[in-house]
């Protein structure tokens, strides 16, 4: 499921940046956003890339190799 990053202005005029919400698509994520921020004005919306979020996990051998290389 993709993640969307919103910047909004609330009904009180407060600027809120980088609200990240998962959704099936952009309208679904915006629907969820509006449940939290009633009557907000969306200033910007972008899709967050999945590749940047997922980092490879390290196992114990990788950690030991890194320690040995630094010694």
C-alpha atoms as a PDB file:
ATOM      1  CA  UNK A   1       0.000   0.000   0.000  1.00  0.00           C
ATOM      2  CA  UNK A   2       1.515   3.351  -0.978  1.00  0.00           C
ATOM      3  CA  UNK A   3       2.168   6.127   1.515  1.00  0.00           C
ATOM      4  CA  UNK A   4       1.247   9.739   0.821  1.00  0.00           C
ATOM      5  CA  UNK A   5       2.833  12.833   2.372  1.00  0.00           C
ATOM      6  CA  UNK A   6       0.502  15.814   2.890  1.00  0.00           C
ATOM      7  CA  UNK A   7       1.080  19.428   3.851  1.00  0.00           C
ATOM      8  CA  UNK A   8      -2.107  21.155   4.973  1.00  0.00           C
ATOM      9  CA  UNK A   9      -3.469  24.345   6.453  1.00  0.00           C
ATOM     10  CA  UNK A  10      -6.037  23.681   9.174  1.00  0.00           C
ATOM     11  CA  UNK A  11      -9.324  25.555   9.493  1.00  0.00           C
ATOM     12  CA  UNK A  12      -7.651  27.660  12.227  1.00  0.00           C
ATOM     13  CA  UNK A  13      -4.846  28.676   9.845  1.00  0.00           C
ATOM     14  CA  UNK A  14      -2.148  26.435  11.330  1.00  0.00           C
ATOM     15  CA  UNK A  15       0.300  24.998   8.806  1.00  0.00           C
ATOM     16  CA  UNK A  16       0.992  21.270   9.292  1.00  0.00           C
ATOM     17  CA  UNK A  17       3.686  19.654   7.154  1.00  0.00           C
ATOM     18  CA  UNK A  18       4.623  16.050   6.456  1.00  0.00           C
ATOM     19  CA  UNK A  19       1.532  14.119   7.502  1.00  0.00           C
ATOM     20  CA  UNK A  20       2.172  10.621   6.156  1.00  0.00           C
ATOM     21  CA  UNK A  21      -0.852   8.400   5.529  1.00  0.00           C
ATOM     22  CA  UNK A  22      -1.196   4.987   3.892  1.00  0.00           C
ATOM     23  CA  UNK A  23      -3.952   4.566   1.315  1.00  0.00           C
ATOM     24  CA  UNK A  24      -5.014   2.467  -1.643  1.00  0.00           C
ATOM     25  CA  UNK A  25      -4.666   5.615  -3.759  1.00  0.00           C
ATOM     26  CA  UNK A  26      -4.464   9.379  -3.243  1.00  0.00           C
ATOM     27  CA  UNK A  27      -8.243   9.923  -2.774  1.00  0.00           C
ATOM     28  CA  UNK A  28      -8.320   7.178  -0.118  1.00  0.00           C
ATOM     29  CA  UNK A  29      -5.414   8.762   1.764  1.00  0.00           C
ATOM     30  CA  UNK A  30      -7.021  12.202   1.479  1.00  0.00           C
ATOM     31  CA  UNK A  31     -10.279  10.809   2.880  1.00  0.00           C
ATOM     32  CA  UNK A  32      -8.359   9.499   5.906  1.00  0.00           C
ATOM     33  CA  UNK A  33      -6.594  12.854   6.257  1.00  0.00           C
ATOM     34  CA  UNK A  34      -9.906  14.723   6.323  1.00  0.00           C
ATOM     35  CA  UNK A  35     -11.162  12.445   9.103  1.00  0.00           C
ATOM     36  CA  UNK A  36      -8.326  13.778  11.276  1.00  0.00           C
ATOM     37  CA  UNK A  37      -8.226  17.380   9.996  1.00  0.00           C
ATOM     38  CA  UNK A  38     -11.802  18.531   9.325  1.00  0.00           C
ATOM     39  CA  UNK A  39     -12.142  21.383   6.801  1.00  0.00           C
ATOM     40  CA  UNK A  40      -8.398  21.534   6.107  1.00  0.00           C
ATOM     41  CA  UNK A  41      -6.932  22.862   2.878  1.00  0.00           C
ATOM     42  CA  UNK A  42      -4.426  20.529   1.223  1.00  0.00           C
ATOM     43  CA  UNK A  43      -1.412  22.565   0.140  1.00  0.00           C
ATOM     44  CA  UNK A  44       0.721  19.718  -1.211  1.00  0.00           C
ATOM     45  CA  UNK A  45       0.519  15.960  -1.654  1.00  0.00           C
ATOM     46  CA  UNK A  46       3.196  13.584  -2.859  1.00  0.00           C
ATOM     47  CA  UNK A  47       3.740   9.843  -2.955  1.00  0.00           C
ATOM     48  CA  UNK A  48       6.482   8.533  -0.682  1.00  0.00           C
ATOM     49  CA  UNK A  49       8.769   6.084  -2.470  1.00  0.00           C
ATOM     50  CA  UNK A  50       8.754   2.562  -1.074  1.00  0.00           C
ATOM     51  CA  UNK A  51      12.437   1.951  -1.901  1.00  0.00           C
ATOM     52  CA  UNK A  52      13.593   4.710   0.448  1.00  0.00           C
ATOM     53  CA  UNK A  53      11.582   3.332   3.361  1.00  0.00           C
ATOM     54  CA  UNK A  54      12.756  -0.251   3.296  1.00  0.00           C
ATOM     55  CA  UNK A  55      16.329  -0.714   4.450  1.00  0.00           C
ATOM     56  CA  UNK A  56      18.043  -4.094   4.164  1.00  0.00           C
ATOM     57  CA  UNK A  57      18.302  -5.887   7.474  1.00  0.00           C
ATOM     58  CA  UNK A  58      21.714  -6.907   8.780  1.00  0.00           C
ATOM     59  CA  UNK A  59      22.408 -10.292  10.256  1.00  0.00           C
ATOM     60  CA  UNK A  60      25.020 -11.140  12.884  1.00  0.00           C
ATOM     61  CA  UNK A  61      27.641 -12.059  10.259  1.00  0.00           C
ATOM     62  CA  UNK A  62      27.328  -8.618   8.645  1.00  0.00           C
ATOM     63  CA  UNK A  63      27.765  -6.940  12.030  1.00  0.00           C
ATOM     64  CA  UNK A  64      30.833  -9.048  12.915  1.00  0.00           C
ATOM     65  CA  UNK A  65      32.392  -8.316   9.528  1.00  0.00           C
ATOM     66  CA  UNK A  66      31.861  -4.605  10.069  1.00  0.00           C
ATOM     67  CA  UNK A  67      33.444  -4.764  13.536  1.00  0.00           C
ATOM     68  CA  UNK A  68      36.463  -6.719  12.263  1.00  0.00           C
ATOM     69  CA  UNK A  69      37.007  -4.239   9.407  1.00  0.00           C
ATOM     70  CA  UNK A  70      37.062  -1.296  11.844  1.00  0.00           C
ATOM     71  CA  UNK A  71      39.603  -2.942  14.179  1.00  0.00           C
END
